[in-house]
């Protein structure tokens, strides 16, 4: 008797962890991918840089890796939730956002909130991606 195919698949980003928490970076179910919190850790060191521009750069790099590992691309992202520690970190977030989504007519929905992020995090994103049939 053959096994039924797995319905859910955890997705990781090589070199980036949630510390000791047993949380995958994302999961894909069918044509949908959901991320956990994607932070701006440097995958070469699994550590957070101290400044917002570097965290934003690594955060979107980690997003691209997660999407690739899940079999999707930036074109499939339909929703982004962004969290910044201070409102003045939006400039770094927006600079990388525009690099990923330069066409104002073809961007995913986004909502940004100011939150007291832990452990040196200055920003974090969560995404939903839907793969076209």
Protein backbone atom coordinates (compact mmCIF):
# COMPACT_ATOMS: atom_id res chain seq x y z
CA UNK A 1 0.00 0.00 0.00
CA UNK A 2 1.47 3.35 -1.01
CA UNK A 3 1.63 6.30 1.34
CA UNK A 4 -0.57 9.31 0.68
CA UNK A 5 1.41 12.37 -0.43
CA UNK A 6 2.31 14.83 2.29
CA UNK A 7 -0.11 17.72 2.36
CA UNK A 8 2.18 20.21 4.13
CA UNK A 9 5.85 20.85 3.59
CA UNK A 10 8.12 22.87 5.85
CA UNK A 11 10.55 25.18 4.10
CA UNK A 12 13.83 26.44 5.52
CA UNK A 13 16.41 29.10 4.69
CA UNK A 14 19.91 27.68 4.87
CA UNK A 15 21.97 29.36 7.60
CA UNK A 16 19.02 31.16 9.24
CA UNK A 17 17.26 29.81 12.32
CA UNK A 18 14.64 30.83 14.84
CA UNK A 19 17.12 30.02 17.60
CA UNK A 20 15.88 27.18 19.77
CA UNK A 21 12.24 27.53 18.65
CA UNK A 22 11.08 24.55 16.54
CA UNK A 23 9.60 26.78 13.84
CA UNK A 24 10.17 26.38 10.09
CA UNK A 25 10.76 29.50 8.03
CA UNK A 26 7.69 28.68 5.99
CA UNK A 27 5.25 26.05 4.80
CA UNK A 28 3.77 25.26 1.43
CA UNK A 29 0.37 23.64 1.04
CA UNK A 30 -0.76 23.08 -2.52
CA UNK A 31 -0.32 26.29 -4.46
CA UNK A 32 0.06 28.47 -1.33
CA UNK A 33 3.17 29.37 0.63
CA UNK A 34 3.04 30.99 4.07
CA UNK A 35 6.12 32.31 5.81
CA UNK A 36 6.93 32.50 9.46
CA UNK A 37 8.62 35.70 10.58
CA UNK A 38 11.48 36.43 8.20
CA UNK A 39 14.18 38.44 9.87
CA UNK A 40 17.28 40.13 8.57
CA UNK A 41 19.81 37.58 9.81
CA UNK A 42 22.99 37.13 7.81
CA UNK A 43 22.82 33.49 6.60
CA UNK A 44 26.63 33.25 6.73
CA UNK A 45 26.61 33.83 10.50
CA UNK A 46 22.96 33.32 11.61
CA UNK A 47 23.22 36.69 13.37
CA UNK A 48 21.51 40.06 13.06
CA UNK A 49 23.49 43.07 11.85
CA UNK A 50 23.13 46.15 14.05
CA UNK A 51 21.78 48.54 11.40
CA UNK A 52 18.44 48.73 9.61
CA UNK A 53 19.76 48.85 6.00
CA UNK A 54 21.76 45.62 6.50
CA UNK A 55 18.83 43.90 8.22
CA UNK A 56 16.52 44.95 5.37
CA UNK A 57 18.99 43.65 2.77
CA UNK A 58 19.30 40.24 4.46
CA UNK A 59 15.58 40.06 5.22
CA UNK A 60 14.67 40.34 1.53
CA UNK A 61 17.54 38.03 0.58
CA UNK A 62 16.13 35.48 3.03
CA UNK A 63 12.67 36.02 1.52
CA UNK A 64 14.01 35.24 -1.97
CA UNK A 65 15.70 32.08 -0.64
CA UNK A 66 12.53 30.95 1.12
CA UNK A 67 10.46 31.49 -2.00
CA UNK A 68 12.97 29.66 -4.20
CA UNK A 69 13.13 26.75 -1.73
CA UNK A 70 9.33 26.61 -1.79
CA UNK A 71 9.14 26.60 -5.58
CA UNK A 72 7.71 30.10 -5.92
CA UNK A 73 9.03 33.57 -6.80
CA UNK A 74 8.54 37.22 -5.90
CA UNK A 75 5.90 37.34 -8.66
CA UNK A 76 3.77 34.93 -6.59
CA UNK A 77 3.77 37.07 -3.39
CA UNK A 78 0.31 38.53 -2.78
CA UNK A 79 0.53 39.81 0.81
CA UNK A 80 3.32 41.14 3.03
CA UNK A 81 2.99 42.03 6.70
CA UNK A 82 5.93 44.17 7.82
CA UNK A 83 6.94 44.99 11.36
CA UNK A 84 9.45 47.71 12.25
CA UNK A 85 10.85 48.56 15.66
CA UNK A 86 10.79 52.31 14.93
CA UNK A 87 9.00 54.30 12.28
CA UNK A 88 12.32 55.64 10.97
CA UNK A 89 13.26 52.07 9.89
CA UNK A 90 10.62 52.29 7.12
CA UNK A 91 13.14 53.99 4.80
CA UNK A 92 15.43 50.92 4.83
CA UNK A 93 12.43 48.61 4.45
CA UNK A 94 11.07 50.64 1.53
CA UNK A 95 14.44 50.75 -0.26
CA UNK A 96 14.61 46.94 -0.40
CA UNK A 97 10.86 46.68 -1.09
CA UNK A 98 11.27 48.83 -4.19
CA UNK A 99 14.17 46.63 -5.32
CA UNK A 100 11.93 43.56 -5.11
CA UNK A 101 8.74 45.17 -6.38
CA UNK A 102 9.72 48.10 -8.64
CA UNK A 103 6.49 48.24 -10.68
CA UNK A 104 3.83 50.25 -8.81
CA UNK A 105 1.16 48.44 -10.85
CA UNK A 106 2.42 45.00 -9.81
CA UNK A 107 3.09 44.96 -6.06
CA UNK A 108 1.66 42.72 -3.37
CA UNK A 109 -0.56 44.17 -0.66
CA UNK A 110 1.43 45.34 2.38
CA UNK A 111 0.66 46.44 5.89
CA UNK A 112 3.38 47.83 8.18
CA UNK A 113 3.17 48.05 11.96
CA UNK A 114 5.52 49.46 14.56
CA UNK A 115 6.23 46.80 17.20
CA UNK A 116 8.72 46.25 19.99
CA UNK A 117 10.65 43.47 18.24
CA UNK A 118 12.91 41.28 20.42
CA UNK A 119 16.58 40.35 20.30
CA UNK A 120 18.03 43.18 18.23
CA UNK A 121 15.50 42.79 15.41
CA UNK A 122 14.73 46.13 13.76
CA UNK A 123 12.29 44.67 11.24
CA UNK A 124 10.59 41.46 10.21
CA UNK A 125 8.19 40.40 7.46
CA UNK A 126 5.65 37.65 6.88
CA UNK A 127 4.41 36.77 3.40
CA UNK A 128 1.72 34.83 1.62
CA UNK A 129 2.40 33.62 -1.92
CA UNK A 130 -0.01 31.95 -4.33
CA UNK A 131 1.32 30.02 -7.31
CA UNK A 132 -0.73 30.57 -10.44
CA UNK A 133 -2.27 27.46 -11.95
